Amino acid sequence: MILCCGEALIDMVPLPEGGTGFLPCPGGSPYNTAIAVGRLGAPVSFLGRLSKDFFGELLIERLRKNKVETDLIIRSGEHSTLAFVNLSAGKEPQYVFYTEGAADRSFSAEDAPEKLPDEISCILFGSIAMTMEPVATAIESLIFREHKRGEEAPVISVDPNIRSFMIQDASRYVKRFESWLRASTIVKISSADLEYIYPGLTVEDALQRILSFGPRLVAATLGAEGATALLRRDTGAILRASAPAAKVAVADTIGAGDTFHGGLLSWLELKGKMSRSDIAALAPEELQEALLFANKAASLVCTRRGAEPPSFAEVEAFNG
């Protein structure tokens, strides 16, 4: 089972007909990924703190509808985080977050379970939750604790999903990010994230640097250039794979990176490859298949308004 940790919020998306109105849509990077994993048929659970307000009820209802387990969610009286989205053709979505005193950012070390369920095979974390306290330290502590279990530890997968306006000190954030890399098996990262973390480095050099901290697999989404992945064997040898961008009619790109991450993890879980040793031993054709599957899922979500990940059947039938 894949455990998604972090923020769960309400994206206030501009109404299709324009004007000044907004449509409230459940969102948040780890939340979107949990929905994607659930729709793709892999077992998944969510860990976080959600409000008891009507937005919180909307978030919980959507998780359950998409077969995401909610047993590890703490409910509280704080309000839900709101993220207002500005969409412009050909550009990345722009966000304004209202997080002060919100439920998801208030997740603390006391909210984290002392022991994770035995069926947890992978922990996913990252995004804006890791730029806010106390939630960032609470998740970080959980990740470091689980990593110390050695061979018994679940696979740990991180997606920084950087929103630079949420980061007060860039150099401090990068150092903290690198400490997460030392505990991670998988890194999913966008070209925009790479430019923020390692400005001036080529994609290849940046991915090699990430691998040097200890992860086995790093997968980068490159927009119109598709996706690329580097995998480090036990011997130190590097295996490469790439997947082209599918030609689709883009409605918007909300949730594309989250769905890619969910697609990659779902493929590993469904194929019985969700362990550090199995990932390191993936055959070239398996890595290629995993990357293509994740890219198809991300392409399909771009054909829809908002974060509406596809089902497994839709990804399998897609020939884009």
C-alpha atoms as a PDB file:
ATOM      1  CA  MET A   1       0.000   0.000   0.000  1.00  0.00           C
ATOM      2  CA  ILE A   2       1.154   3.507  -0.880  1.00  0.00           C
ATOM      3  CA  LEU A   3       0.862   6.131   1.885  1.00  0.00           C
ATOM      4  CA  CYS A   4       0.551   9.757   0.714  1.00  0.00           C
ATOM      5  CA  CYS A   5       1.499  12.375   3.329  1.00  0.00           C
ATOM      6  CA  GLY A   6       0.983  16.136   3.330  1.00  0.00           C
ATOM      7  CA  GLU A   7      -1.443  18.834   2.358  1.00  0.00           C
ATOM      8  CA  ALA A   8      -5.064  18.404   1.345  1.00  0.00           C
ATOM      9  CA  LEU A   9      -6.634  21.690   0.309  1.00  0.00           C
ATOM     10  CA  ILE A  10      -9.237  23.366  -1.842  1.00  0.00           C
ATOM     11  CA  ASP A  11      -8.123  24.670  -5.235  1.00  0.00           C
ATOM     12  CA  MET A  12     -10.236  27.665  -6.170  1.00  0.00           C
ATOM     13  CA  VAL A  13     -10.210  27.286  -9.958  1.00  0.00           C
ATOM     14  CA  PRO A  14     -11.512  30.018 -12.324  1.00  0.00           C
ATOM     15  CA  LEU A  15     -14.909  29.199 -13.763  1.00  0.00           C
ATOM     16  CA  PRO A  16     -14.792  27.942 -17.374  1.00  0.00           C
ATOM     17  CA  GLU A  17     -16.915  30.834 -18.619  1.00  0.00           C
ATOM     18  CA  GLY A  18     -14.451  33.387 -17.249  1.00  0.00           C
ATOM     19  CA  GLY A  19     -15.271  36.374 -15.091  1.00  0.00           C
ATOM     20  CA  THR A  20     -14.276  36.629 -11.436  1.00  0.00           C
ATOM     21  CA  GLY A  21     -15.896  33.454 -10.115  1.00  0.00           C
ATOM     22  CA  PHE A  22     -14.051  30.403  -8.765  1.00  0.00           C
ATOM     23  CA  LEU A  23     -15.014  26.745  -8.468  1.00  0.00           C
ATOM     24  CA  PRO A  24     -13.853  24.927  -5.291  1.00  0.00           C
ATOM     25  CA  CYS A  25     -12.047  21.689  -6.199  1.00  0.00           C
ATOM     26  CA  PRO A  26     -10.294  19.263  -3.816  1.00  0.00           C
ATOM     27  CA  GLY A  27      -6.534  19.367  -4.357  1.00  0.00           C
ATOM     28  CA  GLY A  28      -3.003  19.485  -2.979  1.00  0.00           C
ATOM     29  CA  SER A  29      -0.094  17.582  -4.506  1.00  0.00           C
ATOM     30  CA  PRO A  30      -0.008  14.483  -2.241  1.00  0.00           C
ATOM     31  CA  TYR A  31      -3.818  14.483  -2.171  1.00  0.00           C
ATOM     32  CA  ASN A  32      -3.983  14.511  -5.978  1.00  0.00           C
ATOM     33  CA  THR A  33      -1.440  11.704  -6.120  1.00  0.00           C
ATOM     34  CA  ALA A  34      -3.497   9.633  -3.686  1.00  0.00           C
ATOM     35  CA  ILE A  35      -6.542  10.067  -5.940  1.00  0.00           C
ATOM     36  CA  ALA A  36      -4.454   9.081  -8.984  1.00  0.00           C
ATOM     37  CA  VAL A  37      -3.144   5.932  -7.268  1.00  0.00           C
ATOM     38  CA  GLY A  38      -6.651   4.974  -6.179  1.00  0.00           C
ATOM     39  CA  ARG A  39      -8.036   5.352  -9.699  1.00  0.00           C
ATOM     40  CA  LEU A  40      -5.134   3.381 -11.147  1.00  0.00           C
ATOM     41  CA  GLY A  41      -6.028   0.436  -8.940  1.00  0.00           C
ATOM     42  CA  ALA A  42      -3.182   0.313  -6.423  1.00  0.00           C
ATOM     43  CA  PRO A  43      -3.928   0.212  -2.678  1.00  0.00           C
ATOM     44  CA  VAL A  44      -3.466   3.664  -1.140  1.00  0.00           C
ATOM     45  CA  SER A  45      -3.967   5.568   2.101  1.00  0.00           C
ATOM     46  CA  PHE A  46      -3.652   9.224   3.131  1.00  0.00           C
ATOM     47  CA  LEU A  47      -1.946  10.641   6.216  1.00  0.00           C
ATOM     48  CA  GLY A  48      -2.660  14.206   7.260  1.00  0.00           C
ATOM     49  CA  ARG A  49      -4.866  16.586   9.221  1.00  0.00           C
ATOM     50  CA  LEU A  50      -8.163  17.654   7.657  1.00  0.00           C
ATOM     51  CA  SER A  51     -10.736  20.160   8.810  1.00  0.00           C
ATOM     52  CA  LYS A  52     -14.207  19.294  10.022  1.00  0.00           C
ATOM     53  CA  ASP A  53     -15.591  22.182   7.947  1.00  0.00           C
ATOM     54  CA  PHE A  54     -17.611  21.539   4.781  1.00  0.00           C
ATOM     55  CA  PHE A  55     -14.469  21.760   2.643  1.00  0.00           C
ATOM     56  CA  GLY A  56     -12.903  19.078   4.828  1.00  0.00           C
ATOM     57  CA  GLU A  57     -15.959  16.895   4.294  1.00  0.00           C
ATOM     58  CA  LEU A  58     -15.575  17.398   0.543  1.00  0.00           C
ATOM     59  CA  LEU A  59     -11.928  16.302   0.748  1.00  0.00           C
ATOM     60  CA  ILE A  60     -12.750  13.184   2.773  1.00  0.00           C
ATOM     61  CA  GLU A  61     -15.653  12.223   0.525  1.00  0.00           C
ATOM     62  CA  ARG A  62     -13.484  12.412  -2.592  1.00  0.00           C
ATOM     63  CA  LEU A  63     -10.801  10.219  -1.022  1.00  0.00           C
ATOM     64  CA  ARG A  64     -13.283   7.532  -0.067  1.00  0.00           C
ATOM     65  CA  LYS A  65     -15.012   7.668  -3.442  1.00  0.00           C
ATOM     66  CA  ASN A  66     -11.658   6.924  -5.095  1.00  0.00           C
ATOM     67  CA  LYS A  67     -10.770   4.014  -2.768  1.00  0.00           C
ATOM     68  CA  VAL A  68      -8.235   5.938  -0.687  1.00  0.00           C
ATOM     69  CA  GLU A  69      -8.164   4.744   2.928  1.00  0.00           C
ATOM     70  CA  THR A  70      -8.724   7.492   5.498  1.00  0.00           C
ATOM     71  CA  ASP A  71      -8.005   5.697   8.791  1.00  0.00           C
ATOM     72  CA  LEU A  72      -4.789   7.677   9.390  1.00  0.00           C
ATOM     73  CA  ILE A  73      -6.385  11.098   8.903  1.00  0.00           C
ATOM     74  CA  ILE A  74      -6.784  13.385  11.935  1.00  0.00           C
ATOM     75  CA  ARG A  75      -9.911  15.586  11.904  1.00  0.00           C
ATOM     76  CA  SER A  76      -9.750  18.996  13.602  1.00  0.00           C
ATOM     77  CA  GLY A  77     -11.578  22.292  14.045  1.00  0.00           C
ATOM     78  CA  GLU A  78      -9.107  24.419  12.055  1.00  0.00           C
ATOM     79  CA  HIS A  79     -10.271  25.658   8.662  1.00  0.00           C
ATOM     80  CA  SER A  80      -9.223  24.136   5.329  1.00  0.00           C
ATOM     81  CA  THR A  81      -6.403  25.614   3.252  1.00  0.00           C
ATOM     82  CA  LEU A  82      -7.515  27.533   0.159  1.00  0.00           C
ATOM     83  CA  ALA A  83      -5.372  27.836  -2.982  1.00  0.00           C
ATOM     84  CA  PHE A  84      -6.571  30.303  -5.605  1.00  0.00           C
ATOM     85  CA  VAL A  85      -5.393  29.347  -9.088  1.00  0.00           C
ATOM     86  CA  ASN A  86      -4.686  31.623 -12.055  1.00  0.00           C
ATOM     87  CA  LEU A  87      -4.618  29.845 -15.420  1.00  0.00           C
ATOM     88  CA  SER A  88      -2.993  31.306 -18.547  1.00  0.00           C
ATOM     89  CA  ALA A  89      -2.632  29.506 -21.861  1.00  0.00           C
ATOM     90  CA  GLY A  90       0.832  28.023 -22.353  1.00  0.00           C
ATOM     91  CA  LYS A  91       1.988  28.813 -18.805  1.00  0.00           C
ATOM     92  CA  GLU A  92       2.274  26.929 -15.536  1.00  0.00           C
ATOM     93  CA  PRO A  93      -0.654  27.540 -13.130  1.00  0.00           C
ATOM     94  CA  GLN A  94      -0.064  30.368 -10.630  1.00  0.00           C
ATOM     95  CA  TYR A  95      -1.225  29.975  -7.025  1.00  0.00           C
ATOM     96  CA  VAL A  96      -2.012  32.107  -3.986  1.00  0.00           C
ATOM     97  CA  PHE A  97      -2.281  30.033  -0.794  1.00  0.00           C
ATOM     98  CA  TYR A  98      -4.233  30.873   2.354  1.00  0.00           C
ATOM     99  CA  THR A  99      -2.713  28.543   4.943  1.00  0.00           C
ATOM    100  CA  GLU A 100      -2.370  30.438   8.237  1.00  0.00           C
ATOM    101  CA  GLY A 101      -3.906  28.359  11.022  1.00  0.00           C
ATOM    102  CA  ALA A 102      -5.228  25.770   8.559  1.00  0.00           C
ATOM    103  CA  ALA A 103      -5.777  22.122   9.453  1.00  0.00           C
ATOM    104  CA  ASP A 104      -3.334  20.474   7.034  1.00  0.00           C
ATOM    105  CA  ARG A 105      -0.371  22.666   7.994  1.00  0.00           C
ATOM    106  CA  SER A 106      -1.157  22.040  11.693  1.00  0.00           C
ATOM    107  CA  PHE A 107      -0.330  18.328  11.419  1.00  0.00           C
ATOM    108  CA  SER A 108       2.191  17.672  14.205  1.00  0.00           C
ATOM    109  CA  ALA A 109       4.494  14.914  15.401  1.00  0.00           C
ATOM    110  CA  GLU A 110       1.823  13.927  17.925  1.00  0.00           C
ATOM    111  CA  ASP A 111      -0.585  13.275  15.024  1.00  0.00           C
ATOM    112  CA  ALA A 112       1.749  10.780  13.334  1.00  0.00           C
ATOM    113  CA  PRO A 113       1.174   7.089  14.156  1.00  0.00           C
ATOM    114  CA  GLU A 114       3.786   5.489  16.406  1.00  0.00           C
ATOM    115  CA  LYS A 115       3.855   2.534  14.022  1.00  0.00           C
ATOM    116  CA  LEU A 116       2.718   2.419  10.419  1.00  0.00           C
ATOM    117  CA  PRO A 117       0.475  -0.441   9.263  1.00  0.00           C
ATOM    118  CA  ASP A 118       2.485  -3.445   8.074  1.00  0.00           C
ATOM    119  CA  GLU A 119       0.987  -3.233   4.579  1.00  0.00           C
ATOM    120  CA  ILE A 120       2.595   0.145   3.857  1.00  0.00           C
ATOM    121  CA  SER A 121       5.154  -0.499   1.101  1.00  0.00           C
ATOM    122  CA  CYS A 122       5.793   3.118   0.067  1.00  0.00           C
ATOM    123  CA  ILE A 123       5.598   6.580   1.648  1.00  0.00           C
ATOM    124  CA  LEU A 124       5.144   9.616  -0.583  1.00  0.00           C
ATOM    125  CA  PHE A 125       5.804  13.163   0.645  1.00  0.00           C
ATOM    126  CA  GLY A 126       6.822  16.633  -0.557  1.00  0.00           C
ATOM    127  CA  SER A 127       5.218  19.799  -1.949  1.00  0.00           C
ATOM    128  CA  ILE A 128       4.126  22.837   0.075  1.00  0.00           C
ATOM    129  CA  ALA A 129       3.604  20.761   3.234  1.00  0.00           C
ATOM    130  CA  MET A 130       7.410  20.665   3.501  1.00  0.00           C
ATOM    131  CA  THR A 131       7.615  24.486   3.568  1.00  0.00           C
ATOM    132  CA  MET A 132       5.235  24.979   6.518  1.00  0.00           C
ATOM    133  CA  GLU A 133       5.426  24.160  10.211  1.00  0.00           C
ATOM    134  CA  PRO A 134       4.692  22.095  12.167  1.00  0.00           C
ATOM    135  CA  VAL A 135       3.702  19.741   9.323  1.00  0.00           C
ATOM    136  CA  ALA A 136       7.128  19.815   7.619  1.00  0.00           C
ATOM    137  CA  THR A 137       9.014  18.705  10.720  1.00  0.00           C
ATOM    138  CA  ALA A 138       6.355  16.106  11.559  1.00  0.00           C
ATOM    139  CA  ILE A 139       6.583  14.451   8.125  1.00  0.00           C
ATOM    140  CA  GLU A 140      10.366  14.801   8.033  1.00  0.00           C
ATOM    141  CA  SER A 141      10.630  13.025  11.404  1.00  0.00           C
ATOM    142  CA  LEU A 142       8.378  10.222  10.155  1.00  0.00           C
ATOM    143  CA  ILE A 143      10.495   9.798   7.017  1.00  0.00           C
ATOM    144  CA  PHE A 144      13.783   9.717   8.913  1.00  0.00           C
ATOM    145  CA  ARG A 145      12.326   7.281  11.467  1.00  0.00           C
ATOM    146  CA  GLU A 146      11.142   4.868   8.787  1.00  0.00           C
ATOM    147  CA  HIS A 147      14.396   5.157   6.821  1.00  0.00           C
ATOM    148  CA  LYS A 148      16.327   3.973   9.890  1.00  0.00           C
ATOM    149  CA  ARG A 149      14.519   0.625   9.662  1.00  0.00           C
ATOM    150  CA  GLY A 150      16.978  -0.340   6.926  1.00  0.00           C
ATOM    151  CA  GLU A 151      15.908  -3.270   4.771  1.00  0.00           C
ATOM    152  CA  GLU A 152      12.515  -3.351   6.489  1.00  0.00           C
ATOM    153  CA  ALA A 153      11.814   0.283   5.587  1.00  0.00           C
ATOM    154  CA  PRO A 154       9.169   1.104   2.993  1.00  0.00           C
ATOM    155  CA  VAL A 155      10.206   2.752  -0.252  1.00  0.00           C
ATOM    156  CA  ILE A 156      10.256   6.514   0.276  1.00  0.00           C
ATOM    157  CA  SER A 157       9.356   8.761  -2.659  1.00  0.00           C
ATOM    158  CA  VAL A 158       9.652  12.560  -2.694  1.00  0.00           C
ATOM    159  CA  ASP A 159       8.306  15.206  -5.079  1.00  0.00           C
ATOM    160  CA  PRO A 160       9.459  18.719  -4.079  1.00  0.00           C
ATOM    161  CA  ASN A 161       6.761  20.352  -6.266  1.00  0.00           C
ATOM    162  CA  ILE A 162       8.278  23.719  -5.440  1.00  0.00           C
ATOM    163  CA  ARG A 163       6.257  26.894  -5.003  1.00  0.00           C
ATOM    164  CA  SER A 164       9.065  29.420  -4.591  1.00  0.00           C
ATOM    165  CA  PHE A 165       6.883  32.050  -2.893  1.00  0.00           C
ATOM    166  CA  MET A 166       6.375  29.581  -0.023  1.00  0.00           C
ATOM    167  CA  ILE A 167      10.144  29.361   0.601  1.00  0.00           C
ATOM    168  CA  GLN A 168      11.789  32.060   2.730  1.00  0.00           C
ATOM    169  CA  ASP A 169      15.423  30.930   2.348  1.00  0.00           C
ATOM    170  CA  ALA A 170      16.303  29.078  -0.867  1.00  0.00           C
ATOM    171  CA  SER A 171      19.734  27.799   0.223  1.00  0.00           C
ATOM    172  CA  ARG A 172      18.330  26.491   3.506  1.00  0.00           C
ATOM    173  CA  TYR A 173      15.512  24.751   1.641  1.00  0.00           C
ATOM    174  CA  VAL A 174      17.959  23.063  -0.760  1.00  0.00           C
ATOM    175  CA  LYS A 175      20.038  21.736   2.149  1.00  0.00           C
ATOM    176  CA  ARG A 176      16.919  20.369   3.769  1.00  0.00           C
ATOM    177  CA  PHE A 177      15.794  18.843   0.481  1.00  0.00           C
ATOM    178  CA  GLU A 178      19.151  17.097   0.156  1.00  0.00           C
ATOM    179  CA  SER A 179      18.673  15.606   3.629  1.00  0.00           C
ATOM    180  CA  TRP A 180      15.384  14.113   2.378  1.00  0.00           C
ATOM    181  CA  LEU A 181      17.217  12.667  -0.621  1.00  0.00           C
ATOM    182  CA  ARG A 182      19.451  10.667   1.720  1.00  0.00           C
ATOM    183  CA  ALA A 183      16.338   8.930   3.081  1.00  0.00           C
ATOM    184  CA  SER A 184      14.565   8.490  -0.263  1.00  0.00           C
ATOM    185  CA  THR A 185      14.495   5.678  -2.803  1.00  0.00           C
ATOM    186  CA  ILE A 186      12.573   7.547  -5.537  1.00  0.00           C
ATOM    187  CA  VAL A 187      12.596  11.205  -6.557  1.00  0.00           C
ATOM    188  CA  LYS A 188       9.988  12.639  -8.904  1.00  0.00           C
ATOM    189  CA  ILE A 189      10.931  16.150 -10.002  1.00  0.00           C
ATOM    190  CA  SER A 190       9.976  18.694 -12.672  1.00  0.00           C
ATOM    191  CA  SER A 191      12.299  20.716 -14.879  1.00  0.00           C
ATOM    192  CA  ALA A 192      11.153  23.858 -13.032  1.00  0.00           C
ATOM    193  CA  ASP A 193      12.110  22.259  -9.705  1.00  0.00           C
ATOM    194  CA  LEU A 194      15.532  21.298 -11.082  1.00  0.00           C
ATOM    195  CA  GLU A 195      16.161  24.872 -12.197  1.00  0.00           C
ATOM    196  CA  TYR A 196      15.235  26.181  -8.736  1.00  0.00           C
ATOM    197  CA  ILE A 197      17.326  23.659  -6.787  1.00  0.00           C
ATOM    198  CA  TYR A 198      20.359  23.443  -9.079  1.00  0.00           C
ATOM    199  CA  PRO A 199      20.316  26.533 -11.329  1.00  0.00           C
ATOM    200  CA  GLY A 200      22.776  26.384 -14.197  1.00  0.00           C
ATOM    201  CA  LEU A 201      23.115  22.598 -14.237  1.00  0.00           C
ATOM    202  CA  THR A 202      21.932  20.579 -17.205  1.00  0.00           C
ATOM    203  CA  VAL A 203      19.087  18.137 -16.556  1.00  0.00           C
ATOM    204  CA  GLU A 204      21.545  15.226 -16.773  1.00  0.00           C
ATOM    205  CA  ASP A 205      23.982  16.786 -14.294  1.00  0.00           C
ATOM    206  CA  ALA A 206      21.179  17.739 -11.896  1.00  0.00           C
ATOM    207  CA  LEU A 207      19.742  14.226 -11.939  1.00  0.00           C
ATOM    208  CA  GLN A 208      23.192  12.725 -11.416  1.00  0.00           C
ATOM    209  CA  ARG A 209      23.676  15.023  -8.430  1.00  0.00           C
ATOM    210  CA  ILE A 210      20.364  13.885  -6.942  1.00  0.00           C
ATOM    211  CA  LEU A 211      21.368  10.225  -7.353  1.00  0.00           C
ATOM    212  CA  SER A 212      24.659  10.934  -5.573  1.00  0.00           C
ATOM    213  CA  PHE A 213      22.747  11.479  -2.309  1.00  0.00           C
ATOM    214  CA  GLY A 214      21.436   7.904  -2.317  1.00  0.00           C
ATOM    215  CA  PRO A 215      18.131   7.512  -4.216  1.00  0.00           C
ATOM    216  CA  ARG A 216      17.831   4.589  -6.620  1.00  0.00           C
ATOM    217  CA  LEU A 217      15.516   6.224  -9.138  1.00  0.00           C
ATOM    218  CA  VAL A 218      14.950   9.807 -10.227  1.00  0.00           C
ATOM    219  CA  ALA A 219      12.249  10.640 -12.785  1.00  0.00           C
ATOM    220  CA  ALA A 220      11.975  14.117 -14.268  1.00  0.00           C
ATOM    221  CA  THR A 221       9.020  15.617 -16.102  1.00  0.00           C
ATOM    222  CA  LEU A 222      10.177  17.970 -18.854  1.00  0.00           C
ATOM    223  CA  GLY A 223       6.961  19.482 -20.211  1.00  0.00           C
ATOM    224  CA  ALA A 224       6.783  19.309 -24.000  1.00  0.00           C
ATOM    225  CA  GLU A 225       9.967  17.191 -24.009  1.00  0.00           C
ATOM    226  CA  GLY A 226       8.280  14.345 -22.148  1.00  0.00           C
ATOM    227  CA  ALA A 227       9.974  12.602 -19.234  1.00  0.00           C
ATOM    228  CA  THR A 228      13.311  11.037 -18.452  1.00  0.00           C
ATOM    229  CA  ALA A 229      14.550   8.727 -15.706  1.00  0.00           C
ATOM    230  CA  LEU A 230      17.885   7.592 -14.285  1.00  0.00           C
ATOM    231  CA  LEU A 231      18.190   4.431 -12.193  1.00  0.00           C
ATOM    232  CA  ARG A 232      21.255   3.518 -10.148  1.00  0.00           C
ATOM    233  CA  ARG A 233      22.116  -0.175  -9.891  1.00  0.00           C
ATOM    234  CA  ASP A 234      23.762  -1.802  -6.861  1.00  0.00           C
ATOM    235  CA  THR A 235      26.950  -1.817  -8.925  1.00  0.00           C
ATOM    236  CA  GLY A 236      26.740   1.943  -9.431  1.00  0.00           C
ATOM    237  CA  ALA A 237      25.865   1.580 -13.126  1.00  0.00           C
ATOM    238  CA  ILE A 238      23.256   4.018 -14.429  1.00  0.00           C
ATOM    239  CA  LEU A 239      20.248   2.898 -16.483  1.00  0.00           C
ATOM    240  CA  ARG A 240      18.392   5.538 -18.531  1.00  0.00           C
ATOM    241  CA  ALA A 241      14.917   5.709 -20.029  1.00  0.00           C
ATOM    242  CA  SER A 242      12.784   8.391 -21.641  1.00  0.00           C
ATOM    243  CA  ALA A 243       9.191   8.832 -22.764  1.00  0.00           C
ATOM    244  CA  PRO A 244       7.977  11.403 -25.294  1.00  0.00           C
ATOM    245  CA  ALA A 245       5.209  13.867 -24.520  1.00  0.00           C
ATOM    246  CA  ALA A 246       1.873  12.686 -25.881  1.00  0.00           C
ATOM    247  CA  LYS A 247       0.082  14.912 -28.362  1.00  0.00           C
ATOM    248  CA  VAL A 248      -3.187  15.838 -26.632  1.00  0.00           C
ATOM    249  CA  ALA A 249      -5.546  18.798 -26.522  1.00  0.00           C
ATOM    250  CA  VAL A 250      -4.562  20.451 -23.239  1.00  0.00           C
ATOM    251  CA  ALA A 251      -7.388  21.790 -21.073  1.00  0.00           C
ATOM    252  CA  ASP A 252      -4.977  22.689 -18.247  1.00  0.00           C
ATOM    253  CA  THR A 253      -2.001  21.124 -16.480  1.00  0.00           C
ATOM    254  CA  ILE A 254      -3.339  21.057 -12.920  1.00  0.00           C
ATOM    255  CA  GLY A 255      -2.353  17.762 -11.309  1.00  0.00           C
ATOM    256  CA  ALA A 256      -0.190  16.568 -14.199  1.00  0.00           C
ATOM    257  CA  GLY A 257       2.969  16.113 -12.137  1.00  0.00           C
ATOM    258  CA  ASP A 258       1.025  14.565  -9.267  1.00  0.00           C
ATOM    259  CA  THR A 259      -0.606  12.096 -11.656  1.00  0.00           C
ATOM    260  CA  PHE A 260       2.767  11.238 -13.205  1.00  0.00           C
ATOM    261  CA  HIS A 261       4.097  10.460  -9.727  1.00  0.00           C
ATOM    262  CA  GLY A 262       1.003   8.391  -8.943  1.00  0.00           C
ATOM    263  CA  GLY A 263       1.349   6.530 -12.227  1.00  0.00           C
ATOM    264  CA  LEU A 264       4.978   5.657 -11.579  1.00  0.00           C
ATOM    265  CA  LEU A 265       4.329   4.416  -8.042  1.00  0.00           C
ATOM    266  CA  SER A 266       1.189   2.541  -9.087  1.00  0.00           C
ATOM    267  CA  TRP A 267       3.094   0.688 -11.808  1.00  0.00           C
ATOM    268  CA  LEU A 268       5.727  -0.415  -9.291  1.00  0.00           C
ATOM    269  CA  GLU A 269       3.111  -1.466  -6.725  1.00  0.00           C
ATOM    270  CA  LEU A 270       0.922  -3.349  -9.194  1.00  0.00           C
ATOM    271  CA  LYS A 271       3.920  -5.125 -10.736  1.00  0.00           C
ATOM    272  CA  GLY A 272       5.228  -6.250  -7.334  1.00  0.00           C
ATOM    273  CA  LYS A 273       8.373  -4.124  -7.692  1.00  0.00           C
ATOM    274  CA  MET A 274       7.894  -1.824  -4.704  1.00  0.00           C
ATOM    275  CA  SER A 275      11.115  -2.431  -2.807  1.00  0.00           C
ATOM    276  CA  ARG A 276      14.521  -0.790  -2.885  1.00  0.00           C
ATOM    277  CA  SER A 277      16.203  -3.944  -4.228  1.00  0.00           C
ATOM    278  CA  ASP A 278      13.545  -4.605  -6.876  1.00  0.00           C
ATOM    279  CA  ILE A 279      13.704  -1.008  -8.110  1.00  0.00           C
ATOM    280  CA  ALA A 280      17.497  -1.176  -8.406  1.00  0.00           C
ATOM    281  CA  ALA A 281      17.149  -4.397 -10.406  1.00  0.00           C
ATOM    282  CA  LEU A 282      14.509  -3.205 -12.901  1.00  0.00           C
ATOM    283  CA  ALA A 283      15.206  -4.382 -16.443  1.00  0.00           C
ATOM    284  CA  PRO A 284      15.582  -1.672 -19.125  1.00  0.00           C
ATOM    285  CA  GLU A 285      12.225  -2.594 -20.651  1.00  0.00           C
ATOM    286  CA  GLU A 286      10.560  -2.429 -17.216  1.00  0.00           C
ATOM    287  CA  LEU A 287      11.881   1.058 -16.508  1.00  0.00           C
ATOM    288  CA  GLN A 288      10.738   2.145 -19.966  1.00  0.00           C
ATOM    289  CA  GLU A 289       7.274   0.652 -19.390  1.00  0.00           C
ATOM    290  CA  ALA A 290       6.932   2.350 -16.000  1.00  0.00           C
ATOM    291  CA  LEU A 291       7.902   5.725 -17.438  1.00  0.00           C
ATOM    292  CA  LEU A 292       5.524   5.380 -20.393  1.00  0.00           C
ATOM    293  CA  PHE A 293       2.671   4.399 -18.064  1.00  0.00           C
ATOM    294  CA  ALA A 294       3.267   7.449 -15.834  1.00  0.00           C
ATOM    295  CA  ASN A 295       3.556   9.738 -18.853  1.00  0.00           C
ATOM    296  CA  LYS A 296       0.294   8.457 -20.346  1.00  0.00           C
ATOM    297  CA  ALA A 297      -1.526   9.064 -17.069  1.00  0.00           C
ATOM    298  CA  ALA A 298      -0.133  12.610 -16.864  1.00  0.00           C
ATOM    299  CA  SER A 299      -1.047  13.313 -20.491  1.00  0.00           C
ATOM    300  CA  LEU A 300      -4.631  12.209 -19.947  1.00  0.00           C
ATOM    301  CA  VAL A 301      -5.124  14.442 -16.906  1.00  0.00           C
ATOM    302  CA  CYS A 302      -4.063  17.419 -19.062  1.00  0.00           C
ATOM    303  CA  THR A 303      -7.078  16.834 -21.322  1.00  0.00           C
ATOM    304  CA  ARG A 304      -9.411  17.579 -18.388  1.00  0.00           C
ATOM    305  CA  ARG A 305     -10.066  20.677 -16.316  1.00  0.00           C
ATOM    306  CA  GLY A 306      -8.620  20.326 -12.834  1.00  0.00           C
ATOM    307  CA  ALA A 307      -6.896  17.342 -11.245  1.00  0.00           C
ATOM    308  CA  GLU A 308      -9.001  14.485 -12.649  1.00  0.00           C
ATOM    309  CA  PRO A 309      -6.631  11.501 -13.010  1.00  0.00           C
ATOM    310  CA  PRO A 310      -7.524   8.660 -15.395  1.00  0.00           C
ATOM    311  CA  SER A 311      -8.393   5.095 -14.507  1.00  0.00           C
ATOM    312  CA  PHE A 312      -6.079   2.163 -15.179  1.00  0.00           C
ATOM    313  CA  ALA A 313      -8.264   1.110 -18.110  1.00  0.00           C
ATOM    314  CA  GLU A 314      -8.046   4.577 -19.643  1.00  0.00           C
ATOM    315  CA  VAL A 315      -4.251   4.596 -19.431  1.00  0.00           C
ATOM    316  CA  GLU A 316      -4.001   1.117 -20.943  1.00  0.00           C
ATOM    317  CA  ALA A 317      -6.290   2.099 -23.836  1.00  0.00           C
ATOM    318  CA  PHE A 318      -4.495   5.399 -24.548  1.00  0.00           C
ATOM    319  CA  ASN A 319      -2.343   5.394 -27.700  1.00  0.00           C
ATOM    320  CA  GLY A 320      -1.193   9.013 -27.688  1.00  0.00           C
END
